[in-house]
């Protein structure tokens, strides 16, 4: 799949990025090579390969996972206890995106 400059500019705009012409050229090249690699991976024959939910070495089923233990929820008051600016039961954060 060939990536175009227009597509890179569109995605950069969605991400609120201001890219220079050199950065856009680099993104076209770099992202294009990633998409080419993904196309090659999509072409690999996986017939007969059993799906996996976890990639684990040969050991117990949950060798690298902690036990799944039910716990009481944290609670709103405790969750907001160290918030610098809580209000009305929520975290207050400064506005970071301006267009």
PDB file of N, CA and C in Angstrom:
ATOM      1  N   UNK A   1       0.848  -1.186   0.000  1.00  0.00           N
ATOM      2  CA  UNK A   1       0.000   0.000   0.000  1.00  0.00           C
ATOM      3  C   UNK A   1       0.885   1.236   0.000  1.00  0.00           C
ATOM      4  N   UNK A   2       0.676   2.097  -0.937  1.00  0.00           N
ATOM      5  CA  UNK A   2       1.456   3.323  -1.055  1.00  0.00           C
ATOM      6  C   UNK A   2       0.767   4.435  -0.265  1.00  0.00           C
ATOM      7  N   UNK A   3       1.500   5.048   0.629  1.00  0.00           N
ATOM      8  CA  UNK A   3       0.983   6.130   1.454  1.00  0.00           C
ATOM      9  C   UNK A   3       1.277   7.454   0.762  1.00  0.00           C
ATOM     10  N   UNK A   4       0.303   8.365   0.766  1.00  0.00           N
ATOM     11  CA  UNK A   4       0.490   9.650   0.102  1.00  0.00           C
ATOM     12  C   UNK A   4       0.746  10.763   1.118  1.00  0.00           C
ATOM     13  N   UNK A   5       1.285  11.853   0.622  1.00  0.00           N
ATOM     14  CA  UNK A   5       1.530  13.026   1.471  1.00  0.00           C
ATOM     15  C   UNK A   5       0.220  13.563   2.030  1.00  0.00           C
ATOM     16  N   UNK A   6      -0.838  13.517   1.229  1.00  0.00           N
ATOM     17  CA  UNK A   6      -2.152  13.999   1.663  1.00  0.00           C
ATOM     18  C   UNK A   6      -2.646  13.192   2.856  1.00  0.00           C
ATOM     19  N   UNK A   7      -2.453  11.878   2.817  1.00  0.00           N
ATOM     20  CA  UNK A   7      -2.881  11.023   3.923  1.00  0.00           C
ATOM     21  C   UNK A   7      -2.078  11.308   5.187  1.00  0.00           C
ATOM     22  N   UNK A   8      -0.780  11.532   5.028  1.00  0.00           N
ATOM     23  CA  UNK A   8       0.059  11.860   6.191  1.00  0.00           C
ATOM     24  C   UNK A   8      -0.370  13.189   6.791  1.00  0.00           C
ATOM     25  N   UNK A   9      -0.635  14.166   5.959  1.00  0.00           N
ATOM     26  CA  UNK A   9      -1.097  15.470   6.461  1.00  0.00           C
ATOM     27  C   UNK A   9      -2.434  15.329   7.191  1.00  0.00           C
ATOM     28  N   UNK A  10      -3.321  14.509   6.643  1.00  0.00           N
ATOM     29  CA  UNK A  10      -4.632  14.288   7.260  1.00  0.00           C
ATOM     30  C   UNK A  10      -4.480  13.672   8.650  1.00  0.00           C
ATOM     31  N   UNK A  11      -3.678  12.616   8.762  1.00  0.00           N
ATOM     32  CA  UNK A  11      -3.475  11.948  10.050  1.00  0.00           C
ATOM     33  C   UNK A  11      -2.764  12.886  11.026  1.00  0.00           C
ATOM     34  N   UNK A  12      -1.794  13.649  10.549  1.00  0.00           N
ATOM     35  CA  UNK A  12      -1.093  14.612  11.416  1.00  0.00           C
ATOM     36  C   UNK A  12      -2.078  15.648  11.960  1.00  0.00           C
ATOM     37  N   UNK A  13      -3.004  16.069  11.123  1.00  0.00           N
ATOM     38  CA  UNK A  13      -4.011  17.035  11.560  1.00  0.00           C
ATOM     39  C   UNK A  13      -4.920  16.416  12.625  1.00  0.00           C
ATOM     40  N   UNK A  14      -5.320  15.155  12.432  1.00  0.00           N
ATOM     41  CA  UNK A  14      -6.146  14.476  13.443  1.00  0.00           C
ATOM     42  C   UNK A  14      -5.412  14.385  14.773  1.00  0.00           C
ATOM     43  N   UNK A  15      -4.089  14.195  14.707  1.00  0.00           N
ATOM     44  CA  UNK A  15      -3.283  14.080  15.922  1.00  0.00           C
ATOM     45  C   UNK A  15      -2.841  15.442  16.438  1.00  0.00           C
ATOM     46  N   UNK A  16      -3.296  16.494  15.779  1.00  0.00           N
ATOM     47  CA  UNK A  16      -2.945  17.861  16.164  1.00  0.00           C
ATOM     48  C   UNK A  16      -1.428  18.078  16.151  1.00  0.00           C
ATOM     49  N   UNK A  17      -0.772  17.557  15.097  1.00  0.00           N
ATOM     50  CA  UNK A  17       0.672  17.710  14.928  1.00  0.00           C
ATOM     51  C   UNK A  17       0.964  18.709  13.826  1.00  0.00           C
ATOM     52  N   UNK A  18       1.892  19.587  14.073  1.00  0.00           N
ATOM     53  CA  UNK A  18       2.365  20.506  13.051  1.00  0.00           C
ATOM     54  C   UNK A  18       3.702  19.989  12.549  1.00  0.00           C
ATOM     55  N   UNK A  19       3.689  19.350  11.382  1.00  0.00           N
ATOM     56  CA  UNK A  19       4.898  18.759  10.837  1.00  0.00           C
ATOM     57  C   UNK A  19       5.498  19.653   9.759  1.00  0.00           C
ATOM     58  N   UNK A  20       6.816  19.693   9.711  1.00  0.00           N
ATOM     59  CA  UNK A  20       7.502  20.427   8.648  1.00  0.00           C
ATOM     60  C   UNK A  20       7.461  19.578   7.380  1.00  0.00           C
ATOM     61  N   UNK A  21       7.822  20.174   6.260  1.00  0.00           N
ATOM     62  CA  UNK A  21       7.844  19.458   4.985  1.00  0.00           C
ATOM     63  C   UNK A  21       8.805  18.268   5.058  1.00  0.00           C
ATOM     64  N   UNK A  22       9.954  18.448   5.707  1.00  0.00           N
ATOM     65  CA  UNK A  22      10.918  17.354   5.851  1.00  0.00           C
ATOM     66  C   UNK A  22      10.340  16.219   6.705  1.00  0.00           C
ATOM     67  N   UNK A  23       9.639  16.581   7.781  1.00  0.00           N
ATOM     68  CA  UNK A  23       9.034  15.563   8.636  1.00  0.00           C
ATOM     69  C   UNK A  23       7.944  14.795   7.894  1.00  0.00           C
ATOM     70  N   UNK A  24       7.172  15.506   7.072  1.00  0.00           N
ATOM     71  CA  UNK A  24       6.126  14.847   6.290  1.00  0.00           C
ATOM     72  C   UNK A  24       6.751  13.870   5.303  1.00  0.00           C
ATOM     73  N   UNK A  25       7.811  14.286   4.620  1.00  0.00           N
ATOM     74  CA  UNK A  25       8.507  13.387   3.690  1.00  0.00           C
ATOM     75  C   UNK A  25       9.017  12.148   4.421  1.00  0.00           C
ATOM     76  N   UNK A  26       9.574  12.349   5.602  1.00  0.00           N
ATOM     77  CA  UNK A  26      10.071  11.223   6.400  1.00  0.00           C
ATOM     78  C   UNK A  26       8.946  10.296   6.828  1.00  0.00           C
ATOM     79  N   UNK A  27       7.819  10.878   7.206  1.00  0.00           N
ATOM     80  CA  UNK A  27       6.668  10.062   7.620  1.00  0.00           C
ATOM     81  C   UNK A  27       6.116   9.255   6.450  1.00  0.00           C
ATOM     82  N   UNK A  28       6.044   9.870   5.276  1.00  0.00           N
ATOM     83  CA  UNK A  28       5.576   9.148   4.089  1.00  0.00           C
ATOM     84  C   UNK A  28       6.464   7.934   3.860  1.00  0.00           C
ATOM     85  N   UNK A  29       7.759   8.134   3.962  1.00  0.00           N
ATOM     86  CA  UNK A  29       8.727   7.056   3.729  1.00  0.00           C
ATOM     87  C   UNK A  29       8.642   6.002   4.849  1.00  0.00           C
ATOM     88  N   UNK A  30       8.702   6.445   6.116  1.00  0.00           N
ATOM     89  CA  UNK A  30       8.732   5.518   7.248  1.00  0.00           C
ATOM     90  C   UNK A  30       7.415   4.761   7.415  1.00  0.00           C
ATOM     91  N   UNK A  31       6.304   5.485   7.390  1.00  0.00           N
ATOM     92  CA  UNK A  31       5.012   4.826   7.549  1.00  0.00           C
ATOM     93  C   UNK A  31       4.711   3.930   6.351  1.00  0.00           C
ATOM     94  N   UNK A  32       5.162   4.349   5.172  1.00  0.00           N
ATOM     95  CA  UNK A  32       4.993   3.517   3.984  1.00  0.00           C
ATOM     96  C   UNK A  32       5.715   2.192   4.130  1.00  0.00           C
ATOM     97  N   UNK A  33       6.915   2.217   4.698  1.00  0.00           N
ATOM     98  CA  UNK A  33       7.656   0.964   4.877  1.00  0.00           C
ATOM     99  C   UNK A  33       6.994   0.083   5.939  1.00  0.00           C
ATOM    100  N   UNK A  34       6.394   0.690   6.962  1.00  0.00           N
ATOM    101  CA  UNK A  34       5.666  -0.090   7.975  1.00  0.00           C
ATOM    102  C   UNK A  34       4.466  -0.773   7.323  1.00  0.00           C
ATOM    103  N   UNK A  35       3.735  -0.039   6.490  1.00  0.00           N
ATOM    104  CA  UNK A  35       2.574  -0.629   5.826  1.00  0.00           C
ATOM    105  C   UNK A  35       2.979  -1.727   4.850  1.00  0.00           C
ATOM    106  N   UNK A  36       4.097  -1.563   4.171  1.00  0.00           N
ATOM    107  CA  UNK A  36       4.599  -2.615   3.291  1.00  0.00           C
ATOM    108  C   UNK A  36       4.925  -3.871   4.096  1.00  0.00           C
ATOM    109  N   UNK A  37       5.543  -3.686   5.258  1.00  0.00           N
ATOM    110  CA  UNK A  37       5.858  -4.823   6.124  1.00  0.00           C
ATOM    111  C   UNK A  37       4.579  -5.522   6.579  1.00  0.00           C
ATOM    112  N   UNK A  38       3.558  -4.744   6.927  1.00  0.00           N
ATOM    113  CA  UNK A  38       2.285  -5.328   7.351  1.00  0.00           C
ATOM    114  C   UNK A  38       1.653  -6.119   6.207  1.00  0.00           C
ATOM    115  N   UNK A  39       1.770  -5.629   4.981  1.00  0.00           N
ATOM    116  CA  UNK A  39       1.266  -6.366   3.824  1.00  0.00           C
ATOM    117  C   UNK A  39       1.984  -7.702   3.679  1.00  0.00           C
ATOM    118  N   UNK A  40       3.308  -7.709   3.898  1.00  0.00           N
ATOM    119  CA  UNK A  40       4.066  -8.965   3.824  1.00  0.00           C
ATOM    120  C   UNK A  40       3.607  -9.929   4.913  1.00  0.00           C
ATOM    121  N   UNK A  41       3.375  -9.406   6.128  1.00  0.00           N
ATOM    122  CA  UNK A  41       2.897 -10.260   7.220  1.00  0.00           C
ATOM    123  C   UNK A  41       1.513 -10.818   6.919  1.00  0.00           C
ATOM    124  N   UNK A  42       0.665 -10.010   6.305  1.00  0.00           N
ATOM    125  CA  UNK A  42      -0.688 -10.462   5.965  1.00  0.00           C
ATOM    126  C   UNK A  42      -0.646 -11.595   4.950  1.00  0.00           C
ATOM    127  N   UNK A  43       0.418 -11.667   4.159  1.00  0.00           N
ATOM    128  CA  UNK A  43       0.545 -12.699   3.147  1.00  0.00           C
ATOM    129  C   UNK A  43       1.084 -14.022   3.656  1.00  0.00           C
ATOM    130  N   UNK A  44       1.454 -14.099   4.924  1.00  0.00           N
ATOM    131  CA  UNK A  44       2.001 -15.332   5.488  1.00  0.00           C
ATOM    132  C   UNK A  44       0.879 -16.350   5.666  1.00  0.00           C
ATOM    133  N   UNK A  45       1.132 -17.571   5.231  1.00  0.00           N
ATOM    134  CA  UNK A  45       0.153 -18.644   5.355  1.00  0.00           C
ATOM    135  C   UNK A  45       0.133 -19.139   6.799  1.00  0.00           C
ATOM    136  N   UNK A  46      -0.993 -18.929   7.483  1.00  0.00           N
ATOM    137  CA  UNK A  46      -1.132 -19.370   8.872  1.00  0.00           C
ATOM    138  C   UNK A  46      -2.111 -20.530   8.981  1.00  0.00           C
ATOM    139  N   UNK A  47      -2.393 -21.167   7.857  1.00  0.00           N
ATOM    140  CA  UNK A  47      -3.286 -22.326   7.859  1.00  0.00           C
ATOM    141  C   UNK A  47      -2.706 -23.408   8.766  1.00  0.00           C
ATOM    142  N   UNK A  48      -3.537 -23.916   9.656  1.00  0.00           N
ATOM    143  CA  UNK A  48      -3.097 -24.977  10.555  1.00  0.00           C
ATOM    144  C   UNK A  48      -2.401 -24.486  11.814  1.00  0.00           C
ATOM    145  N   UNK A  49      -2.227 -23.187  11.961  1.00  0.00           N
ATOM    146  CA  UNK A  49      -1.612 -22.643  13.177  1.00  0.00           C
ATOM    147  C   UNK A  49      -2.723 -22.333  14.163  1.00  0.00           C
ATOM    148  N   UNK A  50      -2.652 -22.951  15.321  1.00  0.00           N
ATOM    149  CA  UNK A  50      -3.702 -22.768  16.315  1.00  0.00           C
ATOM    150  C   UNK A  50      -3.618 -21.370  16.930  1.00  0.00           C
ATOM    151  N   UNK A  51      -4.755 -20.657  17.046  1.00  0.00           N
ATOM    152  CA  UNK A  51      -4.750 -19.327  17.661  1.00  0.00           C
ATOM    153  C   UNK A  51      -4.295 -19.390  19.106  1.00  0.00           C
ATOM    154  N   UNK A  52      -3.652 -18.310  19.567  1.00  0.00           N
ATOM    155  CA  UNK A  52      -3.158 -18.242  20.943  1.00  0.00           C
ATOM    156  C   UNK A  52      -3.751 -17.014  21.618  1.00  0.00           C
ATOM    157  N   UNK A  53      -4.074 -17.136  22.891  1.00  0.00           N
ATOM    158  CA  UNK A  53      -4.542 -15.974  23.630  1.00  0.00           C
ATOM    159  C   UNK A  53      -3.411 -15.356  24.433  1.00  0.00           C
ATOM    160  N   UNK A  54      -2.408 -16.148  24.782  1.00  0.00           N
ATOM    161  CA  UNK A  54      -1.235 -15.670  25.495  1.00  0.00           C
ATOM    162  C   UNK A  54       0.002 -16.285  24.867  1.00  0.00           C
ATOM    163  N   UNK A  55       1.047 -15.531  24.793  1.00  0.00           N
ATOM    164  CA  UNK A  55       2.308 -16.058  24.298  1.00  0.00           C
ATOM    165  C   UNK A  55       3.173 -16.356  25.516  1.00  0.00           C
ATOM    166  N   UNK A  56       3.176 -17.620  25.917  1.00  0.00           N
ATOM    167  CA  UNK A  56       3.916 -18.034  27.097  1.00  0.00           C
ATOM    168  C   UNK A  56       4.892 -19.129  26.717  1.00  0.00           C
ATOM    169  N   UNK A  57       5.951 -19.238  27.469  1.00  0.00           N
ATOM    170  CA  UNK A  57       6.876 -20.345  27.292  1.00  0.00           C
ATOM    171  C   UNK A  57       6.236 -21.622  27.827  1.00  0.00           C
ATOM    172  N   UNK A  58       6.853 -22.738  27.574  1.00  0.00           N
ATOM    173  CA  UNK A  58       6.318 -24.024  28.019  1.00  0.00           C
ATOM    174  C   UNK A  58       6.334 -24.106  29.541  1.00  0.00           C
ATOM    175  N   UNK A  59       5.216 -23.814  30.167  1.00  0.00           N
ATOM    176  CA  UNK A  59       5.091 -23.860  31.619  1.00  0.00           C
ATOM    177  C   UNK A  59       3.611 -23.938  31.961  1.00  0.00           C
ATOM    178  N   UNK A  60       3.276 -23.682  33.194  1.00  0.00           N
ATOM    179  CA  UNK A  60       1.877 -23.672  33.590  1.00  0.00           C
ATOM    180  C   UNK A  60       1.110 -22.652  32.755  1.00  0.00           C
ATOM    181  N   UNK A  61      -0.212 -22.807  32.727  1.00  0.00           N
ATOM    182  CA  UNK A  61      -1.033 -21.925  31.898  1.00  0.00           C
ATOM    183  C   UNK A  61      -0.847 -20.451  32.229  1.00  0.00           C
ATOM    184  N   UNK A  62      -0.681 -20.126  33.503  1.00  0.00           N
ATOM    185  CA  UNK A  62      -0.565 -18.726  33.906  1.00  0.00           C
ATOM    186  C   UNK A  62       0.812 -18.456  34.497  1.00  0.00           C
ATOM    187  N   UNK A  63       1.837 -18.979  33.869  1.00  0.00           N
ATOM    188  CA  UNK A  63       3.184 -18.901  34.419  1.00  0.00           C
ATOM    189  C   UNK A  63       3.648 -17.471  34.683  1.00  0.00           C
ATOM    190  N   UNK A  64       3.258 -16.515  33.862  1.00  0.00           N
ATOM    191  CA  UNK A  64       3.754 -15.156  34.044  1.00  0.00           C
ATOM    192  C   UNK A  64       2.660 -14.193  34.499  1.00  0.00           C
ATOM    193  N   UNK A  65       1.494 -14.730  34.829  1.00  0.00           N
ATOM    194  CA  UNK A  65       0.376 -13.869  35.196  1.00  0.00           C
ATOM    195  C   UNK A  65       0.091 -13.970  36.687  1.00  0.00           C
ATOM    196  N   UNK A  66      -0.353 -12.880  37.270  1.00  0.00           N
ATOM    197  CA  UNK A  66      -0.722 -12.901  38.681  1.00  0.00           C
ATOM    198  C   UNK A  66      -2.090 -13.552  38.820  1.00  0.00           C
ATOM    199  N   UNK A  67      -2.422 -14.049  40.003  1.00  0.00           N
ATOM    200  CA  UNK A  67      -3.745 -14.659  40.202  1.00  0.00           C
ATOM    201  C   UNK A  67      -4.847 -13.618  40.012  1.00  0.00           C
ATOM    202  N   UNK A  68      -5.953 -14.032  39.453  1.00  0.00           N
ATOM    203  CA  UNK A  68      -7.092 -13.148  39.228  1.00  0.00           C
ATOM    204  C   UNK A  68      -7.962 -13.188  40.477  1.00  0.00           C
ATOM    205  N   UNK A  69      -7.807 -12.173  41.344  1.00  0.00           N
ATOM    206  CA  UNK A  69      -8.508 -12.135  42.617  1.00  0.00           C
ATOM    207  C   UNK A  69      -9.473 -10.958  42.614  1.00  0.00           C
ATOM    208  N   UNK A  70     -10.717 -11.234  42.962  1.00  0.00           N
ATOM    209  CA  UNK A  70     -11.719 -10.172  43.017  1.00  0.00           C
ATOM    210  C   UNK A  70     -11.430  -9.258  44.202  1.00  0.00           C
ATOM    211  N   UNK A  71     -11.511  -7.958  43.961  1.00  0.00           N
ATOM    212  CA  UNK A  71     -11.279  -6.971  45.029  1.00  0.00           C
ATOM    213  C   UNK A  71     -12.392  -5.933  45.010  1.00  0.00           C
ATOM    214  N   UNK A  72     -12.557  -5.271  46.122  1.00  0.00           N
ATOM    215  CA  UNK A  72     -13.540  -4.190  46.186  1.00  0.00           C
ATOM    216  C   UNK A  72     -13.039  -3.022  45.339  1.00  0.00           C
ATOM    217  N   UNK A  73     -13.948  -2.264  44.719  1.00  0.00           N
ATOM    218  CA  UNK A  73     -13.517  -1.120  43.920  1.00  0.00           C
ATOM    219  C   UNK A  73     -12.841  -0.052  44.781  1.00  0.00           C
ATOM    220  N   UNK A  74     -12.015   0.759  44.151  1.00  0.00           N
ATOM    221  CA  UNK A  74     -11.255   1.787  44.847  1.00  0.00           C
ATOM    222  C   UNK A  74     -12.166   2.817  45.500  1.00  0.00           C
ATOM    223  N   UNK A  75     -13.183   3.246  44.816  1.00  0.00           N
ATOM    224  CA  UNK A  75     -14.094   4.253  45.351  1.00  0.00           C
ATOM    225  C   UNK A  75     -13.688   5.645  44.914  1.00  0.00           C
ATOM    226  N   UNK A  76     -14.679   6.489  44.687  1.00  0.00           N
ATOM    227  CA  UNK A  76     -14.449   7.830  44.165  1.00  0.00           C
ATOM    228  C   UNK A  76     -13.632   8.697  45.113  1.00  0.00           C
ATOM    229  N   UNK A  77     -13.982   8.668  46.386  1.00  0.00           N
ATOM    230  CA  UNK A  77     -13.300   9.523  47.366  1.00  0.00           C
ATOM    231  C   UNK A  77     -11.813   9.179  47.467  1.00  0.00           C
ATOM    232  N   UNK A  78     -11.498   7.905  47.539  1.00  0.00           N
ATOM    233  CA  UNK A  78     -10.110   7.473  47.644  1.00  0.00           C
ATOM    234  C   UNK A  78      -9.347   7.745  46.340  1.00  0.00           C
ATOM    235  N   UNK A  79     -10.018   7.552  45.210  1.00  0.00           N
ATOM    236  CA  UNK A  79      -9.377   7.794  43.916  1.00  0.00           C
ATOM    237  C   UNK A  79      -8.995   9.268  43.762  1.00  0.00           C
ATOM    238  N   UNK A  80      -9.803  10.157  44.286  1.00  0.00           N
ATOM    239  CA  UNK A  80      -9.556  11.593  44.152  1.00  0.00           C
ATOM    240  C   UNK A  80      -8.757  12.184  45.318  1.00  0.00           C
ATOM    241  N   UNK A  81      -8.384  11.357  46.286  1.00  0.00           N
ATOM    242  CA  UNK A  81      -7.716  11.847  47.496  1.00  0.00           C
ATOM    243  C   UNK A  81      -6.447  12.638  47.195  1.00  0.00           C
ATOM    244  N   UNK A  82      -5.645  12.238  46.230  1.00  0.00           N
ATOM    245  CA  UNK A  82      -4.391  12.928  45.926  1.00  0.00           C
ATOM    246  C   UNK A  82      -4.463  13.781  44.660  1.00  0.00           C
ATOM    247  N   UNK A  83      -5.648  13.967  44.133  1.00  0.00           N
ATOM    248  CA  UNK A  83      -5.800  14.774  42.917  1.00  0.00           C
ATOM    249  C   UNK A  83      -5.491  16.234  43.237  1.00  0.00           C
ATOM    250  N   UNK A  84      -4.711  16.914  42.398  1.00  0.00           N
ATOM    251  CA  UNK A  84      -4.380  18.302  42.670  1.00  0.00           C
ATOM    252  C   UNK A  84      -5.584  19.236  42.618  1.00  0.00           C
ATOM    253  N   UNK A  85      -6.589  18.867  41.792  1.00  0.00           N
ATOM    254  CA  UNK A  85      -7.744  19.747  41.663  1.00  0.00           C
ATOM    255  C   UNK A  85      -9.017  18.937  41.407  1.00  0.00           C
ATOM    256  N   UNK A  86      -9.522  18.227  42.438  1.00  0.00           N
ATOM    257  CA  UNK A  86     -10.759  17.478  42.228  1.00  0.00           C
ATOM    258  C   UNK A  86     -11.962  18.403  42.273  1.00  0.00           C
ATOM    259  N   UNK A  87     -13.047  18.003  41.671  1.00  0.00           N
ATOM    260  CA  UNK A  87     -14.260  18.799  41.739  1.00  0.00           C
ATOM    261  C   UNK A  87     -15.453  18.022  41.243  1.00  0.00           C
ATOM    262  N   UNK A  88     -16.540  18.055  41.979  1.00  0.00           N
ATOM    263  CA  UNK A  88     -17.797  17.393  41.629  1.00  0.00           C
ATOM    264  C   UNK A  88     -17.607  15.907  41.353  1.00  0.00           C
ATOM    265  N   UNK A  89     -16.681  15.277  42.046  1.00  0.00           N
ATOM    266  CA  UNK A  89     -16.476  13.851  41.882  1.00  0.00           C
ATOM    267  C   UNK A  89     -15.623  13.468  40.689  1.00  0.00           C
ATOM    268  N   UNK A  90     -14.933  14.420  40.079  1.00  0.00           N
ATOM    269  CA  UNK A  90     -14.118  14.160  38.894  1.00  0.00           C
ATOM    270  C   UNK A  90     -12.736  14.783  39.051  1.00  0.00           C
ATOM    271  N   UNK A  91     -11.796  14.363  38.190  1.00  0.00           N
ATOM    272  CA  UNK A  91     -10.499  15.009  38.101  1.00  0.00           C
ATOM    273  C   UNK A  91     -10.651  16.249  37.230  1.00  0.00           C
ATOM    274  N   UNK A  92     -10.214  17.391  37.715  1.00  0.00           N
ATOM    275  CA  UNK A  92     -10.199  18.599  36.894  1.00  0.00           C
ATOM    276  C   UNK A  92      -8.813  18.715  36.270  1.00  0.00           C
ATOM    277  N   UNK A  93      -8.760  18.910  34.965  1.00  0.00           N
ATOM    278  CA  UNK A  93      -7.485  19.027  34.260  1.00  0.00           C
ATOM    279  C   UNK A  93      -7.503  20.281  33.401  1.00  0.00           C
ATOM    280  N   UNK A  94      -6.327  20.892  33.181  1.00  0.00           N
ATOM    281  CA  UNK A  94      -6.303  22.077  32.333  1.00  0.00           C
ATOM    282  C   UNK A  94      -6.539  21.714  30.875  1.00  0.00           C
ATOM    283  N   UNK A  95      -7.069  22.654  30.136  1.00  0.00           N
ATOM    284  CA  UNK A  95      -7.271  22.472  28.713  1.00  0.00           C
ATOM    285  C   UNK A  95      -5.911  22.378  28.038  1.00  0.00           C
ATOM    286  N   UNK A  96      -5.720  21.354  27.205  1.00  0.00           N
ATOM    287  CA  UNK A  96      -4.423  21.152  26.574  1.00  0.00           C
ATOM    288  C   UNK A  96      -4.480  21.251  25.053  1.00  0.00           C
ATOM    289  N   UNK A  97      -5.645  21.169  24.464  1.00  0.00           N
ATOM    290  CA  UNK A  97      -5.759  21.224  23.001  1.00  0.00           C
ATOM    291  C   UNK A  97      -6.508  22.492  22.595  1.00  0.00           C
ATOM    292  N   UNK A  98      -5.842  23.276  21.805  1.00  0.00           N
ATOM    293  CA  UNK A  98      -6.468  24.478  21.254  1.00  0.00           C
ATOM    294  C   UNK A  98      -6.238  24.483  19.756  1.00  0.00           C
ATOM    295  N   UNK A  99      -7.241  24.820  19.013  1.00  0.00           N
ATOM    296  CA  UNK A  99      -7.101  24.887  17.544  1.00  0.00           C
ATOM    297  C   UNK A  99      -7.333  26.291  17.093  1.00  0.00           C
TER     298      UNK A  99
END
